[in-house]
């Protein structure tokens, strides 16, 4: 039988935990809520490091990096310069024209299509694809010197 003191201590812990959770949720801005790799909404103001980088690192860089590009249509997406100049159909990224960008065309294909990217069952769709489209339509701003690292090298977002 559980003692009354133990039950009281458990209730106190529960209430303390609930209060901490609620307070931590209140301190976040709407754009901080959600996963950087599976966002809930398209942010009004995009930030490359917070919104675009995680999507590209998780979905593209494992194959489309400097080391492995030759095996994957010659496309390296680790830097803006490489994204604009590499690949057998370069450029895959046309700033200001998401629909004309091969990157969006490939990402927007039905996941069952043999050329769909990324080659995973879930692909990129919905909010994630909309973020990339908005980023390209707004000029595909990529901070100078930012290199997208391989997913296995990521220590934190």
N, C-alpha and C. Protein backbone atom coordinates (compact mmCIF):
# COMPACT_ATOMS: atom_id res chain seq x y z
N UNK A 1 0.84 -1.17 0.00
CA UNK A 1 0.00 0.00 0.00
C UNK A 1 0.89 1.25 0.00
N UNK A 2 0.51 2.22 -0.81
CA UNK A 2 1.29 3.44 -0.93
C UNK A 2 0.90 4.39 0.19
N UNK A 3 1.87 4.92 0.82
CA UNK A 3 1.62 5.81 1.94
C UNK A 3 1.06 7.16 1.45
N UNK A 4 0.31 7.82 2.28
CA UNK A 4 -0.28 9.12 1.96
C UNK A 4 0.81 10.14 1.65
N UNK A 5 1.94 10.06 2.34
CA UNK A 5 3.04 11.00 2.12
C UNK A 5 3.62 10.83 0.71
N UNK A 6 3.71 9.57 0.26
CA UNK A 6 4.22 9.30 -1.08
C UNK A 6 3.28 9.86 -2.13
N UNK A 7 1.99 9.67 -1.93
CA UNK A 7 1.00 10.20 -2.88
C UNK A 7 1.08 11.72 -2.90
N UNK A 8 1.21 12.32 -1.74
CA UNK A 8 1.34 13.78 -1.68
C UNK A 8 2.57 14.27 -2.41
N UNK A 9 3.67 13.57 -2.25
CA UNK A 9 4.91 13.94 -2.93
C UNK A 9 4.76 13.79 -4.44
N UNK A 10 4.08 12.75 -4.88
CA UNK A 10 3.86 12.52 -6.31
C UNK A 10 2.99 13.63 -6.89
N UNK A 11 1.96 14.04 -6.15
CA UNK A 11 1.09 15.13 -6.62
C UNK A 11 1.89 16.42 -6.72
N UNK A 12 2.71 16.69 -5.72
CA UNK A 12 3.52 17.91 -5.74
C UNK A 12 4.46 17.91 -6.94
N UNK A 13 5.10 16.77 -7.21
CA UNK A 13 5.98 16.66 -8.38
C UNK A 13 5.20 16.90 -9.67
N UNK A 14 4.03 16.31 -9.79
CA UNK A 14 3.19 16.47 -10.97
C UNK A 14 2.86 17.94 -11.19
N UNK A 15 2.42 18.65 -10.14
CA UNK A 15 2.05 20.05 -10.27
C UNK A 15 3.26 20.92 -10.62
N UNK A 16 4.41 20.61 -10.03
CA UNK A 16 5.63 21.35 -10.33
C UNK A 16 6.04 21.13 -11.79
N UNK A 17 5.98 19.89 -12.25
CA UNK A 17 6.31 19.57 -13.64
C UNK A 17 5.37 20.29 -14.60
N UNK A 18 4.06 20.25 -14.32
CA UNK A 18 3.07 20.90 -15.18
C UNK A 18 3.31 22.41 -15.24
N UNK A 19 3.60 23.02 -14.10
CA UNK A 19 3.86 24.46 -14.07
C UNK A 19 5.11 24.81 -14.88
N UNK A 20 6.16 24.02 -14.73
CA UNK A 20 7.40 24.27 -15.48
C UNK A 20 7.16 24.15 -16.98
N UNK A 21 6.40 23.17 -17.39
CA UNK A 21 6.08 22.98 -18.80
C UNK A 21 5.31 24.17 -19.35
N UNK A 22 4.29 24.60 -18.64
CA UNK A 22 3.48 25.72 -19.09
C UNK A 22 4.32 27.00 -19.19
N UNK A 23 5.13 27.27 -18.18
CA UNK A 23 5.96 28.47 -18.20
C UNK A 23 6.99 28.43 -19.33
N UNK A 24 7.57 27.27 -19.59
CA UNK A 24 8.56 27.19 -20.66
C UNK A 24 7.90 27.39 -22.02
N UNK A 25 6.67 26.95 -22.16
CA UNK A 25 5.95 27.14 -23.42
C UNK A 25 5.62 28.60 -23.64
N UNK A 26 5.33 29.32 -22.59
CA UNK A 26 4.97 30.73 -22.70
C UNK A 26 6.15 31.59 -23.10
N UNK A 27 7.35 31.17 -22.82
CA UNK A 27 8.53 31.99 -23.10
C UNK A 27 8.98 31.86 -24.55
N UNK A 28 8.39 30.98 -25.34
CA UNK A 28 8.80 30.79 -26.72
C UNK A 28 7.99 31.69 -27.64
N UNK A 29 8.64 32.22 -28.66
CA UNK A 29 7.90 32.95 -29.68
C UNK A 29 7.30 31.93 -30.63
N UNK A 30 6.27 32.31 -31.38
CA UNK A 30 5.62 31.34 -32.28
C UNK A 30 6.57 30.67 -33.25
N UNK A 31 7.62 31.37 -33.71
CA UNK A 31 8.54 30.77 -34.67
C UNK A 31 9.50 29.79 -34.01
N UNK A 32 9.61 29.81 -32.68
CA UNK A 32 10.50 28.88 -31.99
C UNK A 32 9.83 27.54 -31.73
N UNK A 33 8.52 27.48 -31.85
CA UNK A 33 7.80 26.26 -31.53
C UNK A 33 7.81 25.33 -32.75
N UNK A 34 8.08 24.07 -32.53
CA UNK A 34 8.11 23.10 -33.62
C UNK A 34 9.53 22.67 -33.89
N UNK A 35 9.66 21.66 -34.70
CA UNK A 35 10.95 21.09 -35.03
C UNK A 35 11.59 21.85 -36.19
N UNK A 36 12.90 22.09 -36.16
CA UNK A 36 13.52 22.76 -37.30
C UNK A 36 13.50 21.90 -38.56
N UNK A 37 13.36 20.59 -38.40
CA UNK A 37 13.33 19.71 -39.57
C UNK A 37 11.91 19.33 -39.97
N UNK A 38 10.92 19.65 -39.14
CA UNK A 38 9.53 19.39 -39.50
C UNK A 38 8.67 20.52 -38.94
N UNK A 39 8.79 21.72 -39.53
CA UNK A 39 8.10 22.89 -39.00
C UNK A 39 6.58 22.79 -39.14
N UNK A 40 5.89 23.55 -38.28
CA UNK A 40 4.42 23.55 -38.29
C UNK A 40 3.84 24.56 -39.27
N UNK A 41 4.53 25.67 -39.47
CA UNK A 41 4.02 26.74 -40.33
C UNK A 41 5.17 27.35 -41.13
N UNK A 42 4.80 28.07 -42.19
CA UNK A 42 5.79 28.83 -42.95
C UNK A 42 5.96 30.16 -42.22
N UNK A 43 7.16 30.46 -41.75
CA UNK A 43 7.37 31.71 -41.03
C UNK A 43 7.15 32.92 -41.93
N UNK A 44 6.66 33.98 -41.34
CA UNK A 44 6.46 35.21 -42.11
C UNK A 44 7.80 35.73 -42.62
N UNK A 45 8.79 35.71 -41.74
CA UNK A 45 10.14 36.13 -42.11
C UNK A 45 11.06 34.93 -42.03
N UNK A 46 11.61 34.54 -43.17
CA UNK A 46 12.50 33.38 -43.20
C UNK A 46 13.91 33.74 -42.76
N UNK A 47 14.53 32.83 -42.06
CA UNK A 47 15.92 32.94 -41.68
C UNK A 47 16.60 31.68 -42.21
N UNK A 48 17.63 31.85 -43.04
CA UNK A 48 18.28 30.71 -43.66
C UNK A 48 18.73 29.67 -42.64
N UNK A 49 19.44 30.14 -41.61
CA UNK A 49 20.00 29.19 -40.62
C UNK A 49 18.91 28.45 -39.85
N UNK A 50 17.81 29.13 -39.54
CA UNK A 50 16.77 28.52 -38.72
C UNK A 50 15.74 27.73 -39.51
N UNK A 51 15.48 28.13 -40.75
CA UNK A 51 14.38 27.51 -41.48
C UNK A 51 14.79 26.70 -42.71
N UNK A 52 15.76 27.18 -43.45
CA UNK A 52 16.16 26.51 -44.70
C UNK A 52 17.27 25.48 -44.45
N UNK A 53 18.29 25.89 -43.72
CA UNK A 53 19.42 25.00 -43.45
C UNK A 53 19.01 23.64 -42.92
N UNK A 54 18.16 23.55 -41.87
CA UNK A 54 17.80 22.22 -41.36
C UNK A 54 17.14 21.34 -42.41
N UNK A 55 16.29 21.93 -43.23
CA UNK A 55 15.60 21.13 -44.27
C UNK A 55 16.59 20.59 -45.29
N UNK A 56 17.51 21.43 -45.71
CA UNK A 56 18.49 20.99 -46.71
C UNK A 56 19.49 20.00 -46.14
N UNK A 57 19.92 20.22 -44.91
CA UNK A 57 20.89 19.30 -44.30
C UNK A 57 20.27 17.91 -44.16
N UNK A 58 19.08 17.84 -43.62
CA UNK A 58 18.44 16.54 -43.37
C UNK A 58 18.00 15.84 -44.66
N UNK A 59 17.56 16.61 -45.65
CA UNK A 59 16.97 15.99 -46.84
C UNK A 59 17.87 15.95 -48.07
N UNK A 60 18.95 16.74 -48.10
CA UNK A 60 19.73 16.84 -49.33
C UNK A 60 21.22 16.54 -49.18
N UNK A 61 21.83 17.03 -48.10
CA UNK A 61 23.28 17.03 -47.99
C UNK A 61 23.90 15.65 -47.81
N UNK A 62 23.15 14.70 -47.35
CA UNK A 62 23.72 13.36 -47.20
C UNK A 62 24.25 12.83 -48.53
N UNK A 63 23.57 13.16 -49.61
CA UNK A 63 24.01 12.72 -50.95
C UNK A 63 24.67 13.85 -51.75
N UNK A 64 24.11 15.05 -51.66
CA UNK A 64 24.56 16.16 -52.49
C UNK A 64 25.57 17.04 -51.75
N UNK A 65 26.70 16.42 -51.44
CA UNK A 65 27.81 17.10 -50.78
C UNK A 65 29.03 17.01 -51.68
N UNK A 66 30.06 17.74 -51.33
CA UNK A 66 31.27 17.80 -52.16
C UNK A 66 31.86 16.41 -52.43
N UNK A 67 31.90 15.58 -51.41
CA UNK A 67 32.51 14.25 -51.54
C UNK A 67 31.69 13.30 -52.41
N UNK A 68 30.37 13.34 -52.27
CA UNK A 68 29.51 12.37 -52.97
C UNK A 68 28.81 12.91 -54.22
N UNK A 69 29.02 14.16 -54.56
CA UNK A 69 28.30 14.78 -55.68
C UNK A 69 28.44 14.00 -56.99
N UNK A 70 29.60 13.49 -57.25
CA UNK A 70 29.83 12.78 -58.52
C UNK A 70 28.89 11.59 -58.69
N UNK A 71 28.49 10.97 -57.59
CA UNK A 71 27.57 9.82 -57.65
C UNK A 71 26.10 10.25 -57.71
N UNK A 72 25.85 11.57 -57.56
CA UNK A 72 24.47 12.06 -57.48
C UNK A 72 24.26 13.26 -58.39
N UNK A 73 24.34 13.01 -59.69
CA UNK A 73 24.11 14.00 -60.75
C UNK A 73 25.09 15.18 -60.68
N UNK A 74 26.22 14.98 -60.00
CA UNK A 74 27.22 16.03 -59.91
C UNK A 74 26.79 17.24 -59.08
N UNK A 75 25.72 17.09 -58.32
CA UNK A 75 25.15 18.23 -57.59
C UNK A 75 25.67 18.31 -56.16
N UNK A 76 26.23 19.46 -55.83
CA UNK A 76 26.70 19.75 -54.48
C UNK A 76 25.88 20.93 -53.97
N UNK A 77 25.17 20.73 -52.87
CA UNK A 77 24.33 21.78 -52.30
C UNK A 77 24.89 22.34 -50.99
N UNK A 78 26.17 22.16 -50.74
CA UNK A 78 26.73 22.61 -49.47
C UNK A 78 26.94 24.12 -49.37
N UNK A 79 27.12 24.79 -50.50
CA UNK A 79 27.27 26.24 -50.50
C UNK A 79 26.38 26.83 -51.59
N UNK A 80 26.11 28.12 -51.47
CA UNK A 80 25.29 28.78 -52.49
C UNK A 80 25.99 28.70 -53.84
N UNK A 81 27.29 28.95 -53.84
CA UNK A 81 28.05 28.92 -55.09
C UNK A 81 27.96 27.55 -55.76
N UNK A 82 28.12 26.50 -54.96
CA UNK A 82 28.03 25.15 -55.52
C UNK A 82 26.61 24.86 -56.01
N UNK A 83 25.61 25.30 -55.26
CA UNK A 83 24.22 25.06 -55.67
C UNK A 83 23.89 25.77 -56.98
N UNK A 84 24.58 26.87 -57.25
CA UNK A 84 24.32 27.63 -58.47
C UNK A 84 25.14 27.15 -59.67
N UNK A 85 26.17 26.32 -59.42
CA UNK A 85 27.08 25.98 -60.53
C UNK A 85 27.29 24.49 -60.76
N UNK A 86 26.85 23.63 -59.84
CA UNK A 86 27.11 22.20 -60.01
C UNK A 86 25.85 21.47 -60.44
N UNK A 87 26.04 20.24 -60.86
CA UNK A 87 24.92 19.40 -61.30
C UNK A 87 24.86 19.34 -62.82
N UNK A 88 24.35 18.25 -63.33
CA UNK A 88 24.31 18.09 -64.80
C UNK A 88 23.30 19.02 -65.46
N UNK A 89 22.40 19.62 -64.67
CA UNK A 89 21.43 20.57 -65.20
C UNK A 89 21.52 21.90 -64.44
N UNK A 90 22.76 22.36 -64.20
CA UNK A 90 22.96 23.59 -63.43
C UNK A 90 22.41 24.80 -64.19
N UNK A 91 21.91 25.77 -63.46
CA UNK A 91 21.74 25.80 -62.02
C UNK A 91 20.42 25.13 -61.62
N UNK A 92 20.40 24.48 -60.49
CA UNK A 92 19.16 23.86 -60.00
C UNK A 92 18.37 24.86 -59.16
N UNK A 93 18.98 25.96 -58.85
CA UNK A 93 18.39 26.99 -58.01
C UNK A 93 18.35 28.29 -58.79
N UNK A 94 17.14 28.83 -59.03
CA UNK A 94 16.99 30.10 -59.73
C UNK A 94 16.37 31.10 -58.77
N UNK A 95 17.20 31.95 -58.14
CA UNK A 95 16.66 32.91 -57.18
C UNK A 95 15.54 33.75 -57.78
N UNK A 96 14.42 33.82 -57.06
CA UNK A 96 13.27 34.57 -57.51
C UNK A 96 12.27 33.74 -58.31
N UNK A 97 12.61 32.50 -58.64
CA UNK A 97 11.73 31.66 -59.47
C UNK A 97 11.72 30.22 -58.95
N UNK A 98 10.94 30.00 -57.90
CA UNK A 98 10.86 28.65 -57.32
C UNK A 98 10.32 27.64 -58.32
N UNK A 99 9.27 28.00 -59.03
CA UNK A 99 8.67 27.04 -59.96
C UNK A 99 9.61 26.70 -61.12
N UNK A 100 10.51 27.61 -61.48
CA UNK A 100 11.47 27.36 -62.55
C UNK A 100 12.74 26.68 -62.05
N UNK A 101 12.88 26.53 -60.76
CA UNK A 101 14.07 25.91 -60.18
C UNK A 101 13.94 24.39 -60.19
N UNK A 102 14.91 23.74 -60.77
CA UNK A 102 14.91 22.28 -60.85
C UNK A 102 14.86 21.66 -59.45
N UNK A 103 15.46 22.33 -58.48
CA UNK A 103 15.42 21.82 -57.10
C UNK A 103 13.98 21.63 -56.64
N UNK A 104 13.13 22.61 -56.85
CA UNK A 104 11.73 22.51 -56.44
C UNK A 104 10.98 21.50 -57.30
N UNK A 105 11.29 21.45 -58.56
CA UNK A 105 10.64 20.47 -59.44
C UNK A 105 10.93 19.05 -58.99
N UNK A 106 12.17 18.79 -58.60
CA UNK A 106 12.54 17.44 -58.15
C UNK A 106 11.93 17.13 -56.78
N UNK A 107 11.95 18.11 -55.88
CA UNK A 107 11.39 17.89 -54.55
C UNK A 107 9.88 17.75 -54.58
N UNK A 108 9.24 18.38 -55.54
CA UNK A 108 7.78 18.36 -55.63
C UNK A 108 7.19 17.15 -56.34
N UNK A 109 8.03 16.28 -56.84
CA UNK A 109 7.53 15.08 -57.53
C UNK A 109 6.87 14.12 -56.56
N UNK A 110 5.99 13.32 -57.09
CA UNK A 110 5.36 12.26 -56.31
C UNK A 110 6.46 11.37 -55.75
N UNK A 111 6.41 11.06 -54.44
CA UNK A 111 7.46 10.24 -53.84
C UNK A 111 7.68 8.89 -54.54
N UNK A 112 6.68 8.41 -55.27
CA UNK A 112 6.82 7.13 -55.98
C UNK A 112 7.56 7.28 -57.31
N UNK A 113 7.73 8.51 -57.80
CA UNK A 113 8.42 8.75 -59.06
C UNK A 113 9.89 8.35 -58.92
N UNK A 114 10.45 7.71 -59.94
CA UNK A 114 11.82 7.21 -59.86
C UNK A 114 12.86 8.31 -59.71
N UNK A 115 12.51 9.54 -60.08
CA UNK A 115 13.45 10.66 -59.97
C UNK A 115 13.12 11.58 -58.79
N UNK A 116 12.17 11.20 -57.95
CA UNK A 116 11.78 12.05 -56.82
C UNK A 116 12.93 12.22 -55.84
N UNK A 117 13.03 13.42 -55.31
CA UNK A 117 14.05 13.72 -54.31
C UNK A 117 13.35 14.28 -53.08
N UNK A 118 13.85 13.97 -51.91
CA UNK A 118 14.84 12.94 -51.64
C UNK A 118 14.25 11.56 -51.88
N UNK A 119 15.08 10.56 -52.11
CA UNK A 119 14.57 9.23 -52.43
C UNK A 119 14.11 8.48 -51.18
N UNK A 120 13.13 9.04 -50.52
CA UNK A 120 12.55 8.44 -49.32
C UNK A 120 11.05 8.39 -49.48
N UNK A 121 10.38 7.55 -48.76
CA UNK A 121 8.92 7.44 -48.91
C UNK A 121 8.16 8.72 -48.59
N UNK A 122 8.66 9.52 -47.64
CA UNK A 122 7.90 10.71 -47.27
C UNK A 122 8.24 11.93 -48.12
N UNK A 123 9.43 12.03 -48.66
CA UNK A 123 9.80 13.17 -49.49
C UNK A 123 9.68 14.48 -48.75
N UNK A 124 9.67 15.57 -49.51
CA UNK A 124 9.46 16.91 -48.95
C UNK A 124 8.15 17.42 -49.53
N UNK A 125 7.23 17.76 -48.65
CA UNK A 125 5.93 18.24 -49.10
C UNK A 125 5.37 19.20 -48.05
N UNK A 126 4.24 19.77 -48.34
CA UNK A 126 3.57 20.64 -47.37
C UNK A 126 4.40 21.83 -46.95
N UNK A 127 4.43 22.09 -45.66
CA UNK A 127 5.10 23.26 -45.10
C UNK A 127 6.58 23.28 -45.46
N UNK A 128 7.24 22.13 -45.42
CA UNK A 128 8.67 22.09 -45.72
C UNK A 128 8.94 22.54 -47.16
N UNK A 129 8.15 22.05 -48.10
CA UNK A 129 8.31 22.47 -49.49
C UNK A 129 7.95 23.94 -49.65
N UNK A 130 6.91 24.39 -48.97
CA UNK A 130 6.50 25.80 -49.04
C UNK A 130 7.58 26.72 -48.51
N UNK A 131 8.30 26.31 -47.47
CA UNK A 131 9.41 27.12 -46.93
C UNK A 131 10.50 27.26 -47.99
N UNK A 132 10.85 26.16 -48.64
CA UNK A 132 11.90 26.23 -49.67
C UNK A 132 11.45 27.08 -50.86
N UNK A 133 10.18 26.96 -51.25
CA UNK A 133 9.66 27.79 -52.35
C UNK A 133 9.72 29.27 -51.98
N UNK A 134 9.28 29.59 -50.79
CA UNK A 134 9.30 31.00 -50.35
C UNK A 134 10.73 31.52 -50.32
N UNK A 135 11.65 30.71 -49.80
CA UNK A 135 13.05 31.11 -49.75
C UNK A 135 13.58 31.43 -51.15
N UNK A 136 13.31 30.56 -52.11
CA UNK A 136 13.78 30.79 -53.49
C UNK A 136 13.09 32.01 -54.08
N UNK A 137 11.77 32.11 -53.92
CA UNK A 137 11.04 33.26 -54.48
C UNK A 137 11.50 34.58 -53.89
N UNK A 138 12.00 34.55 -52.65
CA UNK A 138 12.51 35.77 -52.01
C UNK A 138 13.99 36.02 -52.33
N UNK A 139 14.54 35.28 -53.27
CA UNK A 139 15.91 35.52 -53.72
C UNK A 139 16.94 34.51 -53.28
N UNK A 140 16.53 33.46 -52.59
CA UNK A 140 17.44 32.39 -52.14
C UNK A 140 18.65 32.96 -51.40
N UNK A 141 18.38 33.87 -50.47
CA UNK A 141 19.46 34.48 -49.69
C UNK A 141 20.15 33.41 -48.84
N UNK A 142 21.45 33.35 -48.97
CA UNK A 142 22.28 32.35 -48.28
C UNK A 142 23.45 33.11 -47.69
N UNK A 143 23.56 33.21 -46.39
CA UNK A 143 24.64 34.01 -45.79
C UNK A 143 26.01 33.60 -46.29
N UNK A 144 26.81 34.61 -46.58
CA UNK A 144 28.17 34.38 -47.08
C UNK A 144 28.95 33.51 -46.09
N UNK A 145 29.64 32.53 -46.63
CA UNK A 145 30.49 31.68 -45.82
C UNK A 145 29.78 30.51 -45.14
N UNK A 146 28.45 30.43 -45.26
CA UNK A 146 27.73 29.33 -44.61
C UNK A 146 27.83 28.08 -45.47
N UNK A 147 28.38 27.04 -44.88
CA UNK A 147 28.52 25.75 -45.55
C UNK A 147 27.60 24.76 -44.83
N UNK A 148 26.76 24.06 -45.59
CA UNK A 148 25.87 23.07 -44.99
C UNK A 148 26.65 21.79 -44.75
N UNK A 149 26.74 21.42 -43.49
CA UNK A 149 27.52 20.25 -43.13
C UNK A 149 26.71 18.96 -43.27
N UNK A 150 27.42 17.88 -43.38
CA UNK A 150 26.80 16.56 -43.50
C UNK A 150 25.98 16.30 -42.23
N UNK A 151 24.82 15.66 -42.35
CA UNK A 151 23.98 15.40 -41.17
C UNK A 151 24.70 14.69 -40.03
N UNK A 152 25.64 13.82 -40.36
CA UNK A 152 26.36 13.10 -39.31
C UNK A 152 27.31 14.02 -38.52
N UNK A 153 27.58 15.21 -39.07
CA UNK A 153 28.47 16.16 -38.38
C UNK A 153 27.72 17.19 -37.54
N UNK A 154 26.38 17.16 -37.58
CA UNK A 154 25.57 18.15 -36.84
C UNK A 154 25.59 17.81 -35.35
N UNK A 155 25.95 18.80 -34.55
CA UNK A 155 25.91 18.63 -33.11
C UNK A 155 24.71 19.31 -32.49
N UNK A 156 24.26 20.42 -33.10
CA UNK A 156 23.05 21.10 -32.64
C UNK A 156 22.53 21.99 -33.75
N UNK A 157 21.26 22.33 -33.67
CA UNK A 157 20.66 23.21 -34.67
C UNK A 157 20.86 24.64 -34.23
